[in-house]
Amino acid sequence: MSSEKIIGLIAGGGKLPLLIAQGARQAGFRVICTGLGNNPEPQLAELTDFYTTVPIARPGVWIRKLKKNGVTDAIMAGYVRKEKLFTPWRILRYLPDRRALRIYYWRLRKKNKSDQTILQAIADELASGGIVLQDSTKFCAEHLADKGVMTKVQPAGGIQQDIDFGWDIVKKITQMGIGQAVAIREKTVIAAEAVEGTEKMIQRAGQFCKKGGWILLKASKPDQDWRFDVPCVGPDTVKSLSANGGKCLVVEAGRTIIIDKPDTIALANQLGIAIIGL
């Protein structure tokens, strides 16, 4: 039996799959990647030992490609743009396979269609095909947020009241499955994340709060499944905050991944953004 260490990577968009691929290869693993449609970053192919694109709605294809390359354990990371899933004629467009139909009409029958429920159903279907999903932070734990102020930039005076107010709210909306982030100024909710994602929510907060000075709080779900949908922030988050008047980023320590952590913190210092881990 081969002693070669192999990990599968089912990749959506964003930089998290890149971090995982780099970390896995540094740990001595051969990385076999299936990219979900056109969502993954183009450079991901260069960071993996095998890369192929697979249809979003055909998990049977994911399983076959991974197993053909010796994969039994895999990590699923990155996003699939949710707005694409709500287009007209989406069923015909994505041409789901038998396993996708099993997920939707059997595993999700009489259940809510929250992200957590859908992802759990996908994980169960993959496991039935011999692919077991692993903790998505396994190869990038060094990028998890620290506790306390991580930047040289300190939060402005009086901001603690907004943090205390906003933290209760962001934890409640994560529990309800609405989103994972809120924007707060003077104990007022400026914007809350929903299907559009954090980036567009930040832009919306900037439109509603022209004078700036608001804070962004991002948290994990109370029952966060570390196999998927882990909260992430990074350089793009900090740039967008600065461009839209945000002055402080609050994340959950040990439960939020900071993409390119040293660079993100350095950029925040440069742009005058405080980053805090609770």
C-alpha atoms as a PDB file:
ATOM      1  CA  MET A   1       0.000   0.000   0.000  1.00  0.00           C
ATOM      2  CA  SER A   2       1.313   3.456  -0.882  1.00  0.00           C
ATOM      3  CA  SER A   3       2.428   5.642   2.026  1.00  0.00           C
ATOM      4  CA  GLU A   4       1.864   8.816  -0.010  1.00  0.00           C
ATOM      5  CA  LYS A   5      -0.187  11.405   1.851  1.00  0.00           C
ATOM      6  CA  ILE A   6      -3.072  12.701  -0.271  1.00  0.00           C
ATOM      7  CA  ILE A   7      -5.742  15.305   0.470  1.00  0.00           C
ATOM      8  CA  GLY A   8      -8.587  16.338  -1.775  1.00  0.00           C
ATOM      9  CA  LEU A   9      -9.640  19.967  -2.130  1.00  0.00           C
ATOM     10  CA  ILE A  10     -13.142  20.880  -3.312  1.00  0.00           C
ATOM     11  CA  ALA A  11     -12.611  24.554  -4.079  1.00  0.00           C
ATOM     12  CA  GLY A  12     -14.886  27.527  -4.505  1.00  0.00           C
ATOM     13  CA  GLY A  13     -13.857  31.158  -4.853  1.00  0.00           C
ATOM     14  CA  GLY A  14     -11.671  33.372  -2.680  1.00  0.00           C
ATOM     15  CA  LYS A  15      -8.177  32.957  -1.279  1.00  0.00           C
ATOM     16  CA  LEU A  16      -8.906  30.389   1.425  1.00  0.00           C
ATOM     17  CA  PRO A  17      -8.447  27.422  -0.971  1.00  0.00           C
ATOM     18  CA  LEU A  18      -5.051  28.899  -1.897  1.00  0.00           C
ATOM     19  CA  LEU A  19      -3.966  28.963   1.760  1.00  0.00           C
ATOM     20  CA  ILE A  20      -5.153  25.401   2.274  1.00  0.00           C
ATOM     21  CA  ALA A  21      -3.360  24.136  -0.833  1.00  0.00           C
ATOM     22  CA  GLN A  22      -0.118  25.846   0.214  1.00  0.00           C
ATOM     23  CA  GLY A  23      -0.385  24.576   3.789  1.00  0.00           C
ATOM     24  CA  ALA A  24      -1.161  21.024   2.718  1.00  0.00           C
ATOM     25  CA  ARG A  25       1.790  20.846   0.345  1.00  0.00           C
ATOM     26  CA  GLN A  26       4.100  22.293   2.996  1.00  0.00           C
ATOM     27  CA  ALA A  27       2.860  19.513   5.304  1.00  0.00           C
ATOM     28  CA  GLY A  28       3.915  16.965   2.704  1.00  0.00           C
ATOM     29  CA  PHE A  29       0.516  16.184   1.171  1.00  0.00           C
ATOM     30  CA  ARG A  30      -0.258  15.698  -2.480  1.00  0.00           C
ATOM     31  CA  VAL A  31      -3.206  18.010  -3.246  1.00  0.00           C
ATOM     32  CA  ILE A  32      -5.912  16.808  -5.640  1.00  0.00           C
ATOM     33  CA  CYS A  33      -8.263  19.677  -6.450  1.00  0.00           C
ATOM     34  CA  THR A  34     -11.712  19.849  -8.015  1.00  0.00           C
ATOM     35  CA  GLY A  35     -12.638  23.462  -8.763  1.00  0.00           C
ATOM     36  CA  LEU A  36     -16.343  24.297  -8.639  1.00  0.00           C
ATOM     37  CA  GLY A  37     -17.200  25.861 -11.984  1.00  0.00           C
ATOM     38  CA  ASN A  38     -15.538  29.205 -12.653  1.00  0.00           C
ATOM     39  CA  ASN A  39     -15.486  30.202  -8.973  1.00  0.00           C
ATOM     40  CA  PRO A  40     -11.866  29.351  -7.961  1.00  0.00           C
ATOM     41  CA  GLU A  41      -8.961  31.774  -8.302  1.00  0.00           C
ATOM     42  CA  PRO A  42      -6.974  31.080 -11.510  1.00  0.00           C
ATOM     43  CA  GLN A  43      -3.675  30.577  -9.618  1.00  0.00           C
ATOM     44  CA  LEU A  44      -5.085  27.669  -7.610  1.00  0.00           C
ATOM     45  CA  ALA A  45      -4.177  25.222 -10.379  1.00  0.00           C
ATOM     46  CA  GLU A  46      -0.491  26.127  -9.926  1.00  0.00           C
ATOM     47  CA  LEU A  47      -0.613  25.337  -6.193  1.00  0.00           C
ATOM     48  CA  THR A  48      -2.048  21.830  -6.545  1.00  0.00           C
ATOM     49  CA  ASP A  49      -0.679  18.533  -7.858  1.00  0.00           C
ATOM     50  CA  PHE A  50      -3.809  17.803  -9.884  1.00  0.00           C
ATOM     51  CA  TYR A  51      -6.529  20.269 -10.850  1.00  0.00           C
ATOM     52  CA  THR A  52      -9.757  19.862 -12.763  1.00  0.00           C
ATOM     53  CA  THR A  53     -12.933  21.894 -13.078  1.00  0.00           C
ATOM     54  CA  VAL A  54     -16.188  20.174 -12.099  1.00  0.00           C
ATOM     55  CA  PRO A  55     -19.835  21.248 -12.485  1.00  0.00           C
ATOM     56  CA  ILE A  56     -21.298  22.920  -9.386  1.00  0.00           C
ATOM     57  CA  ALA A  57     -24.411  20.730  -9.273  1.00  0.00           C
ATOM     58  CA  ARG A  58     -22.772  17.375  -9.985  1.00  0.00           C
ATOM     59  CA  PRO A  59     -21.254  16.020  -6.756  1.00  0.00           C
ATOM     60  CA  GLY A  60     -21.094  12.596  -8.389  1.00  0.00           C
ATOM     61  CA  VAL A  61     -18.415  14.028 -10.696  1.00  0.00           C
ATOM     62  CA  TRP A  62     -16.518  15.480  -7.717  1.00  0.00           C
ATOM     63  CA  ILE A  63     -16.461  12.047  -6.089  1.00  0.00           C
ATOM     64  CA  ARG A  64     -15.315  10.226  -9.237  1.00  0.00           C
ATOM     65  CA  LYS A  65     -12.491  12.690  -9.955  1.00  0.00           C
ATOM     66  CA  LEU A  66     -11.227  12.583  -6.359  1.00  0.00           C
ATOM     67  CA  LYS A  67     -11.430   8.807  -5.958  1.00  0.00           C
ATOM     68  CA  LYS A  68      -9.719   8.248  -9.312  1.00  0.00           C
ATOM     69  CA  ASN A  69      -6.722  10.091  -7.834  1.00  0.00           C
ATOM     70  CA  GLY A  70      -6.668   8.123  -4.575  1.00  0.00           C
ATOM     71  CA  VAL A  71      -8.555  10.616  -2.373  1.00  0.00           C
ATOM     72  CA  THR A  72     -10.564   9.460   0.657  1.00  0.00           C
ATOM     73  CA  ASP A  73     -10.235  12.613   2.798  1.00  0.00           C
ATOM     74  CA  ALA A  74     -10.994  16.084   1.455  1.00  0.00           C
ATOM     75  CA  ILE A  75     -11.449  19.699   2.467  1.00  0.00           C
ATOM     76  CA  MET A  76     -14.208  21.867   1.028  1.00  0.00           C
ATOM     77  CA  ALA A  77     -13.438  25.586   1.081  1.00  0.00           C
ATOM     78  CA  GLY A  78     -14.225  28.811  -0.729  1.00  0.00           C
ATOM     79  CA  TYR A  79     -17.494  30.322  -1.824  1.00  0.00           C
ATOM     80  CA  VAL A  80     -19.942  29.782  -4.628  1.00  0.00           C
ATOM     81  CA  ARG A  81     -21.665  33.029  -5.502  1.00  0.00           C
ATOM     82  CA  LYS A  82     -25.130  32.555  -4.062  1.00  0.00           C
ATOM     83  CA  GLU A  83     -26.804  34.959  -6.438  1.00  0.00           C
ATOM     84  CA  LYS A  84     -26.030  32.470  -9.235  1.00  0.00           C
ATOM     85  CA  LEU A  85     -28.197  29.905  -7.478  1.00  0.00           C
ATOM     86  CA  PHE A  86     -31.301  32.119  -7.713  1.00  0.00           C
ATOM     87  CA  THR A  87     -31.341  32.774 -11.440  1.00  0.00           C
ATOM     88  CA  PRO A  88     -34.276  31.805 -13.712  1.00  0.00           C
ATOM     89  CA  TRP A  89     -34.103  28.256 -15.083  1.00  0.00           C
ATOM     90  CA  ARG A  90     -31.322  27.392 -12.646  1.00  0.00           C
ATOM     91  CA  ILE A  91     -32.254  23.692 -12.643  1.00  0.00           C
ATOM     92  CA  LEU A  92     -31.727  23.444 -16.407  1.00  0.00           C
ATOM     93  CA  ARG A  93     -28.636  25.621 -16.275  1.00  0.00           C
ATOM     94  CA  TYR A  94     -26.808  23.513 -13.685  1.00  0.00           C
ATOM     95  CA  LEU A  95     -28.053  20.115 -14.903  1.00  0.00           C
ATOM     96  CA  PRO A  96     -27.877  18.343 -11.510  1.00  0.00           C
ATOM     97  CA  ASP A  97     -26.816  14.688 -11.369  1.00  0.00           C
ATOM     98  CA  ARG A  98     -28.379  11.861  -9.390  1.00  0.00           C
ATOM     99  CA  ARG A  99     -26.450  12.690  -6.230  1.00  0.00           C
ATOM    100  CA  ALA A 100     -27.490  16.359  -6.393  1.00  0.00           C
ATOM    101  CA  LEU A 101     -31.117  15.310  -6.722  1.00  0.00           C
ATOM    102  CA  ARG A 102     -30.684  12.932  -3.766  1.00  0.00           C
ATOM    103  CA  ILE A 103     -29.322  15.817  -1.700  1.00  0.00           C
ATOM    104  CA  TYR A 104     -32.187  18.129  -2.560  1.00  0.00           C
ATOM    105  CA  TYR A 105     -35.150  15.791  -2.672  1.00  0.00           C
ATOM    106  CA  TRP A 106     -34.113  13.227  -0.047  1.00  0.00           C
ATOM    107  CA  ARG A 107     -31.526  14.556   2.385  1.00  0.00           C
ATOM    108  CA  LEU A 108     -33.103  18.032   2.501  1.00  0.00           C
ATOM    109  CA  ARG A 109     -36.719  16.852   2.358  1.00  0.00           C
ATOM    110  CA  LYS A 110     -38.785  18.642   5.009  1.00  0.00           C
ATOM    111  CA  LYS A 111     -35.683  20.526   6.230  1.00  0.00           C
ATOM    112  CA  ASN A 112     -34.877  24.222   6.002  1.00  0.00           C
ATOM    113  CA  LYS A 113     -32.524  25.273   3.224  1.00  0.00           C
ATOM    114  CA  SER A 114     -30.017  27.191   5.370  1.00  0.00           C
ATOM    115  CA  ASP A 115     -26.335  27.118   4.390  1.00  0.00           C
ATOM    116  CA  GLN A 116     -25.520  24.830   7.310  1.00  0.00           C
ATOM    117  CA  THR A 117     -28.239  22.316   6.433  1.00  0.00           C
ATOM    118  CA  ILE A 118     -27.319  22.251   2.747  1.00  0.00           C
ATOM    119  CA  LEU A 119     -23.608  21.835   3.449  1.00  0.00           C
ATOM    120  CA  GLN A 120     -24.269  19.059   5.951  1.00  0.00           C
ATOM    121  CA  ALA A 121     -26.370  17.265   3.341  1.00  0.00           C
ATOM    122  CA  ILE A 122     -23.556  17.624   0.800  1.00  0.00           C
ATOM    123  CA  ALA A 123     -21.046  16.261   3.348  1.00  0.00           C
ATOM    124  CA  ASP A 124     -23.295  13.252   4.045  1.00  0.00           C
ATOM    125  CA  GLU A 125     -23.655  12.528   0.337  1.00  0.00           C
ATOM    126  CA  LEU A 126     -19.898  12.776  -0.220  1.00  0.00           C
ATOM    127  CA  ALA A 127     -19.309  10.413   2.707  1.00  0.00           C
ATOM    128  CA  SER A 128     -21.726   7.900   1.179  1.00  0.00           C
ATOM    129  CA  GLY A 129     -19.478   7.956  -1.893  1.00  0.00           C
ATOM    130  CA  GLY A 130     -16.283   7.430   0.089  1.00  0.00           C
ATOM    131  CA  ILE A 131     -15.091  11.050   0.455  1.00  0.00           C
ATOM    132  CA  VAL A 132     -14.935  12.256   4.069  1.00  0.00           C
ATOM    133  CA  LEU A 133     -14.705  16.014   4.657  1.00  0.00           C
ATOM    134  CA  GLN A 134     -12.106  17.273   7.142  1.00  0.00           C
ATOM    135  CA  ASP A 135     -11.702  20.458   9.234  1.00  0.00           C
ATOM    136  CA  SER A 136     -11.067  23.271   6.739  1.00  0.00           C
ATOM    137  CA  THR A 137      -8.630  24.999   9.145  1.00  0.00           C
ATOM    138  CA  LYS A 138      -6.386  21.911   9.314  1.00  0.00           C
ATOM    139  CA  PHE A 139      -3.672  23.361   7.078  1.00  0.00           C
ATOM    140  CA  CYS A 140      -4.048  27.076   7.847  1.00  0.00           C
ATOM    141  CA  ALA A 141      -4.441  27.325  11.642  1.00  0.00           C
ATOM    142  CA  GLU A 142      -1.681  29.949  11.823  1.00  0.00           C
ATOM    143  CA  HIS A 143      -4.041  32.347  10.039  1.00  0.00           C
ATOM    144  CA  LEU A 144      -6.725  32.220  12.751  1.00  0.00           C
ATOM    145  CA  ALA A 145      -7.412  35.525  14.519  1.00  0.00           C
ATOM    146  CA  ASP A 146      -5.683  36.224  17.837  1.00  0.00           C
ATOM    147  CA  LYS A 147      -7.405  37.579  20.933  1.00  0.00           C
ATOM    148  CA  GLY A 148      -7.123  41.317  21.585  1.00  0.00           C
ATOM    149  CA  VAL A 149      -6.012  44.224  19.385  1.00  0.00           C
ATOM    150  CA  MET A 150      -3.878  42.799  16.570  1.00  0.00           C
ATOM    151  CA  THR A 151      -2.904  46.123  14.983  1.00  0.00           C
ATOM    152  CA  LYS A 152      -0.724  49.001  16.102  1.00  0.00           C
ATOM    153  CA  VAL A 153      -3.771  51.142  15.362  1.00  0.00           C
ATOM    154  CA  GLN A 154      -5.891  51.252  18.503  1.00  0.00           C
ATOM    155  CA  PRO A 155      -9.707  51.542  18.461  1.00  0.00           C
ATOM    156  CA  ALA A 156     -10.992  55.091  18.880  1.00  0.00           C
ATOM    157  CA  GLY A 157     -12.402  56.191  22.215  1.00  0.00           C
ATOM    158  CA  GLY A 158     -15.984  55.215  22.906  1.00  0.00           C
ATOM    159  CA  ILE A 159     -15.979  52.410  20.367  1.00  0.00           C
ATOM    160  CA  GLN A 160     -16.270  49.721  23.050  1.00  0.00           C
ATOM    161  CA  GLN A 161     -19.949  50.521  23.512  1.00  0.00           C
ATOM    162  CA  ASP A 162     -20.575  49.851  19.824  1.00  0.00           C
ATOM    163  CA  ILE A 163     -18.600  46.599  20.074  1.00  0.00           C
ATOM    164  CA  ASP A 164     -20.642  45.397  23.050  1.00  0.00           C
ATOM    165  CA  PHE A 165     -23.887  46.382  21.336  1.00  0.00           C
ATOM    166  CA  GLY A 166     -22.969  44.910  17.969  1.00  0.00           C
ATOM    167  CA  TRP A 167     -21.515  41.636  19.251  1.00  0.00           C
ATOM    168  CA  ASP A 168     -24.836  40.509  20.715  1.00  0.00           C
ATOM    169  CA  ILE A 169     -26.538  41.316  17.408  1.00  0.00           C
ATOM    170  CA  VAL A 170     -24.034  39.567  15.135  1.00  0.00           C
ATOM    171  CA  LYS A 171     -24.175  36.410  17.275  1.00  0.00           C
ATOM    172  CA  LYS A 172     -27.974  36.429  17.035  1.00  0.00           C
ATOM    173  CA  ILE A 173     -28.046  36.751  13.239  1.00  0.00           C
ATOM    174  CA  THR A 174     -25.496  33.939  12.889  1.00  0.00           C
ATOM    175  CA  GLN A 175     -27.690  31.772  15.088  1.00  0.00           C
ATOM    176  CA  MET A 176     -30.675  32.543  12.857  1.00  0.00           C
ATOM    177  CA  GLY A 177     -28.713  31.744   9.691  1.00  0.00           C
ATOM    178  CA  ILE A 178     -29.102  35.249   8.242  1.00  0.00           C
ATOM    179  CA  GLY A 179     -25.436  36.161   7.808  1.00  0.00           C
ATOM    180  CA  GLN A 180     -22.163  36.540   9.686  1.00  0.00           C
ATOM    181  CA  ALA A 181     -21.533  40.289   9.814  1.00  0.00           C
ATOM    182  CA  VAL A 182     -23.051  43.617  10.864  1.00  0.00           C
ATOM    183  CA  ALA A 183     -22.021  47.275  10.604  1.00  0.00           C
ATOM    184  CA  ILE A 184     -22.601  49.446  13.690  1.00  0.00           C
ATOM    185  CA  ARG A 185     -22.295  53.164  14.466  1.00  0.00           C
ATOM    186  CA  GLU A 186     -23.434  54.771  17.732  1.00  0.00           C
ATOM    187  CA  LYS A 187     -25.436  51.683  18.753  1.00  0.00           C
ATOM    188  CA  THR A 188     -27.293  51.709  15.452  1.00  0.00           C
ATOM    189  CA  VAL A 189     -27.286  48.861  12.930  1.00  0.00           C
ATOM    190  CA  ILE A 190     -26.168  50.395   9.640  1.00  0.00           C
ATOM    191  CA  ALA A 191     -26.253  47.159   7.646  1.00  0.00           C
ATOM    192  CA  ALA A 192     -26.485  43.403   8.163  1.00  0.00           C
ATOM    193  CA  GLU A 193     -25.049  40.726   5.899  1.00  0.00           C
ATOM    194  CA  ALA A 194     -27.427  38.438   4.031  1.00  0.00           C
ATOM    195  CA  VAL A 195     -27.145  36.619   0.708  1.00  0.00           C
ATOM    196  CA  GLU A 196     -24.992  39.342  -0.918  1.00  0.00           C
ATOM    197  CA  GLY A 197     -21.910  38.627   1.244  1.00  0.00           C
ATOM    198  CA  THR A 198     -19.666  40.806   3.402  1.00  0.00           C
ATOM    199  CA  GLU A 199     -18.090  42.850   0.600  1.00  0.00           C
ATOM    200  CA  LYS A 200     -21.371  44.211  -0.758  1.00  0.00           C
ATOM    201  CA  MET A 201     -22.662  44.735   2.775  1.00  0.00           C
ATOM    202  CA  ILE A 202     -19.626  46.944   3.500  1.00  0.00           C
ATOM    203  CA  GLN A 203     -20.385  49.009   0.403  1.00  0.00           C
ATOM    204  CA  ARG A 204     -23.988  49.363   1.523  1.00  0.00           C
ATOM    205  CA  ALA A 205     -22.885  50.502   4.980  1.00  0.00           C
ATOM    206  CA  GLY A 206     -20.695  53.166   3.356  1.00  0.00           C
ATOM    207  CA  GLN A 207     -23.664  54.444   1.351  1.00  0.00           C
ATOM    208  CA  PHE A 208     -25.875  54.665   4.444  1.00  0.00           C
ATOM    209  CA  CYS A 209     -23.228  56.193   6.741  1.00  0.00           C
ATOM    210  CA  LYS A 210     -21.488  58.891   4.735  1.00  0.00           C
ATOM    211  CA  LYS A 211     -19.703  60.371   7.760  1.00  0.00           C
ATOM    212  CA  GLY A 212     -17.926  57.071   8.387  1.00  0.00           C
ATOM    213  CA  GLY A 213     -16.569  55.943  11.738  1.00  0.00           C
ATOM    214  CA  TRP A 214     -18.595  52.721  11.811  1.00  0.00           C
ATOM    215  CA  ILE A 215     -17.343  49.288  12.835  1.00  0.00           C
ATOM    216  CA  LEU A 216     -17.676  45.876  11.186  1.00  0.00           C
ATOM    217  CA  LEU A 217     -18.260  42.826  13.369  1.00  0.00           C
ATOM    218  CA  LYS A 218     -17.950  39.315  11.921  1.00  0.00           C
ATOM    219  CA  ALA A 219     -18.588  36.095  13.839  1.00  0.00           C
ATOM    220  CA  SER A 220     -18.985  32.350  13.410  1.00  0.00           C
ATOM    221  CA  LYS A 221     -22.174  30.412  13.972  1.00  0.00           C
ATOM    222  CA  PRO A 222     -22.756  29.059  17.509  1.00  0.00           C
ATOM    223  CA  ASP A 223     -22.766  25.545  16.040  1.00  0.00           C
ATOM    224  CA  GLN A 224     -20.060  26.272  13.462  1.00  0.00           C
ATOM    225  CA  ASP A 225     -19.066  23.177  11.505  1.00  0.00           C
ATOM    226  CA  TRP A 226     -15.357  23.611  10.793  1.00  0.00           C
ATOM    227  CA  ARG A 227     -15.602  21.494   7.673  1.00  0.00           C
ATOM    228  CA  PHE A 228     -17.105  24.409   5.773  1.00  0.00           C
ATOM    229  CA  ASP A 229     -18.218  28.051   5.719  1.00  0.00           C
ATOM    230  CA  VAL A 230     -15.567  29.314   8.157  1.00  0.00           C
ATOM    231  CA  PRO A 231     -15.664  33.143   8.542  1.00  0.00           C
ATOM    232  CA  CYS A 232     -12.827  34.847   6.648  1.00  0.00           C
ATOM    233  CA  VAL A 233     -11.496  38.385   6.355  1.00  0.00           C
ATOM    234  CA  GLY A 234      -8.442  39.649   4.520  1.00  0.00           C
ATOM    235  CA  PRO A 235      -6.776  42.494   2.605  1.00  0.00           C
ATOM    236  CA  ASP A 236      -9.859  43.051   0.436  1.00  0.00           C
ATOM    237  CA  THR A 237     -11.986  43.437   3.585  1.00  0.00           C
ATOM    238  CA  VAL A 238      -9.623  46.058   5.003  1.00  0.00           C
ATOM    239  CA  LYS A 239      -9.413  47.966   1.705  1.00  0.00           C
ATOM    240  CA  SER A 240     -13.183  48.021   1.392  1.00  0.00           C
ATOM    241  CA  LEU A 241     -13.611  49.169   4.995  1.00  0.00           C
ATOM    242  CA  SER A 242     -11.218  52.049   4.413  1.00  0.00           C
ATOM    243  CA  ALA A 243     -12.908  53.051   1.140  1.00  0.00           C
ATOM    244  CA  ASN A 244     -16.357  53.045   2.763  1.00  0.00           C
ATOM    245  CA  GLY A 245     -15.635  54.826   6.052  1.00  0.00           C
ATOM    246  CA  GLY A 246     -15.201  51.844   8.397  1.00  0.00           C
ATOM    247  CA  LYS A 247     -12.675  52.332  11.199  1.00  0.00           C
ATOM    248  CA  CYS A 248     -12.603  49.049  13.095  1.00  0.00           C
ATOM    249  CA  LEU A 249     -12.873  45.334  12.278  1.00  0.00           C
ATOM    250  CA  VAL A 250     -13.978  43.002  15.076  1.00  0.00           C
ATOM    251  CA  VAL A 251     -13.699  39.240  14.553  1.00  0.00           C
ATOM    252  CA  GLU A 252     -13.997  36.135  16.671  1.00  0.00           C
ATOM    253  CA  ALA A 253     -10.603  35.050  18.016  1.00  0.00           C
ATOM    254  CA  GLY A 254      -9.634  31.480  17.163  1.00  0.00           C
ATOM    255  CA  ARG A 255     -12.735  31.123  14.968  1.00  0.00           C
ATOM    256  CA  THR A 256     -12.036  33.516  12.071  1.00  0.00           C
ATOM    257  CA  ILE A 257      -9.397  33.080   9.371  1.00  0.00           C
ATOM    258  CA  ILE A 258      -7.426  36.189   8.444  1.00  0.00           C
ATOM    259  CA  ILE A 259      -6.265  35.669   4.867  1.00  0.00           C
ATOM    260  CA  ASP A 260      -2.568  36.599   4.452  1.00  0.00           C
ATOM    261  CA  LYS A 261      -2.574  37.525   8.136  1.00  0.00           C
ATOM    262  CA  PRO A 262       0.703  39.536   8.368  1.00  0.00           C
ATOM    263  CA  ASP A 263      -0.087  41.469   5.186  1.00  0.00           C
ATOM    264  CA  THR A 264      -3.671  42.134   6.280  1.00  0.00           C
ATOM    265  CA  ILE A 265      -2.551  43.526   9.643  1.00  0.00           C
ATOM    266  CA  ALA A 266       0.173  45.641   8.006  1.00  0.00           C
ATOM    267  CA  LEU A 267      -2.363  47.047   5.533  1.00  0.00           C
ATOM    268  CA  ALA A 268      -4.785  47.838   8.357  1.00  0.00           C
ATOM    269  CA  ASN A 269      -2.049  49.787  10.156  1.00  0.00           C
ATOM    270  CA  GLN A 270      -1.310  51.703   6.956  1.00  0.00           C
ATOM    271  CA  LEU A 271      -4.974  52.576   6.403  1.00  0.00           C
ATOM    272  CA  GLY A 272      -5.779  53.371  10.048  1.00  0.00           C
ATOM    273  CA  ILE A 273      -8.064  50.401  10.658  1.00  0.00           C
ATOM    274  CA  ALA A 274      -8.032  48.672  14.041  1.00  0.00           C
ATOM    275  CA  ILE A 275      -8.471  44.874  14.066  1.00  0.00           C
ATOM    276  CA  ILE A 276      -9.701  43.254  17.250  1.00  0.00           C
ATOM    277  CA  GLY A 277     -10.229  39.603  18.160  1.00  0.00           C
ATOM    278  CA  LEU A 278     -12.868  38.850  20.789  1.00  0.00           C
END
